[in-house]
Every structure is written in C-alpha cells, then in structure tokens.
Amino acid sequence: MIEYLDKSEVITDSQHGFRTGRSCLSNLSLFFDQVSEGVDTGTAIDVIYLDFAKAFDKVPHERLLSKLKKYGITGSFNLL
C-alpha cells in the first residue's frame, strides 16, 4: 500500500513515518538542519509541536476506509 501511495504521489516527500529509510530520527535530523540554517541566516522561526501518539487508534474506521477508497485502495481489510 505504501508503495502505491508513494508512486501515486499521495504521500509527500516530507513524510517520514512508515517509509523505508526514513524514521522519526531522519525527520528530526532534517528539522534540526532547517532550523539551524534559519538561525544562521537570522530568519524568524516558529515551531508547533504536536503529539499524535495513538492517533490511529482514535480514527473512525469507516472514515479511514472511505479515504483509502478515494485513493483507489479497495478490497477486504482486517480491522483489528
């Protein structure tokens, strides 16, 4: 599914979670580089931190299935 979403350009290049070769660490590293560059050039920087821990546990499954269908992903799903 990730490969399909990636090839269909549904997932942007900035997405790090659930992607091969990318992780929270690679995301933080990229973020740190961008902030450091802004500080070095005197650019104003605003940061908003959001914690999405267990966010997928709270998404209504019917809404998730509807969005998957919108992107062409259909069929039987085993919802735990």
Protein backbone atom coordinates (compact mmCIF):
# COMPACT_ATOMS: atom_id res chain seq x y z
CA MET A 1 0.00 0.00 0.00
CA ILE A 2 2.82 2.42 0.87
CA GLU A 3 4.47 1.78 -2.50
CA TYR A 4 1.19 2.53 -4.31
CA LEU A 5 0.62 5.74 -2.33
CA ASP A 6 4.22 6.80 -2.94
CA LYS A 7 4.09 6.17 -6.70
CA SER A 8 0.70 7.91 -6.91
CA GLU A 9 2.26 10.91 -5.13
CA VAL A 10 -0.36 10.76 -2.37
CA ILE A 11 2.45 10.68 0.22
CA THR A 12 4.70 13.72 0.00
CA ASP A 13 8.47 13.58 0.17
CA SER A 14 8.33 15.16 3.62
CA GLN A 15 6.53 12.11 5.08
CA HIS A 16 8.95 10.12 7.23
CA GLY A 17 6.78 7.69 9.21
CA PHE A 18 6.17 4.24 7.72
CA ARG A 19 8.63 4.81 4.85
CA THR A 20 11.71 2.78 4.00
CA GLY A 21 14.90 4.52 5.06
CA ARG A 22 13.03 7.20 6.98
CA SER A 23 12.15 7.43 10.63
CA CYS A 24 11.49 9.80 13.49
CA LEU A 25 15.26 10.25 13.68
CA SER A 26 15.61 11.20 9.99
CA ASN A 27 12.70 13.62 10.42
CA LEU A 28 14.30 15.24 13.46
CA SER A 29 17.65 15.47 11.69
CA LEU A 30 16.08 17.25 8.71
CA PHE A 31 14.15 19.56 11.04
CA PHE A 32 17.29 20.39 13.01
CA ASP A 33 19.17 21.22 9.79
CA GLN A 34 16.39 23.54 8.63
CA VAL A 35 16.15 25.32 11.99
CA SER A 36 19.94 25.66 12.21
CA GLU A 37 20.05 27.19 8.73
CA GLY A 38 17.31 29.65 9.73
CA VAL A 39 19.17 30.64 12.89
CA ASP A 40 22.42 31.08 10.93
CA THR A 41 20.73 33.38 8.41
CA GLY A 42 18.71 35.31 11.00
CA THR A 43 15.37 34.01 9.76
CA ALA A 44 12.46 34.09 12.21
CA ILE A 45 11.41 30.55 13.13
CA ASP A 46 8.12 29.41 14.65
CA VAL A 47 7.68 25.82 15.77
CA ILE A 48 4.49 23.99 16.68
CA TYR A 49 4.89 20.55 18.23
CA LEU A 50 2.00 18.10 18.01
CA ASP A 51 1.96 14.68 19.61
CA PHE A 52 -0.02 12.21 17.53
CA ALA A 53 0.60 9.24 19.81
CA LYS A 54 -2.10 6.64 19.25
CA ALA A 55 -3.79 8.94 16.71
CA PHE A 56 -4.73 5.99 14.50
CA ASP A 57 -6.49 4.34 17.44
CA LYS A 58 -8.90 7.28 17.51
CA VAL A 59 -9.70 7.50 13.76
CA PRO A 60 -13.15 6.10 12.97
CA HIS A 61 -12.50 3.03 10.80
CA GLU A 62 -15.31 3.86 8.36
CA ARG A 63 -13.75 7.28 7.70
CA LEU A 64 -10.34 5.67 7.13
CA LEU A 65 -11.80 3.11 4.71
CA SER A 66 -13.57 5.92 2.85
CA LYS A 67 -10.31 7.83 2.41
CA LEU A 68 -8.48 4.69 1.26
CA LYS A 69 -11.21 4.10 -1.33
CA LYS A 70 -10.81 7.70 -2.52
CA TYR A 71 -7.16 6.90 -3.32
CA GLY A 72 -8.06 3.72 -5.19
CA ILE A 73 -7.36 1.23 -2.41
CA THR A 74 -10.26 -1.21 -2.12
CA GLY A 75 -10.89 -4.76 -1.06
CA SER A 76 -11.17 -6.59 2.20
CA PHE A 77 -9.38 -5.19 5.22
CA ASN A 78 -8.74 -6.90 8.50
CA LEU A 79 -9.58 -4.23 11.06
CA LEU A 80 -8.28 -5.10 14.48
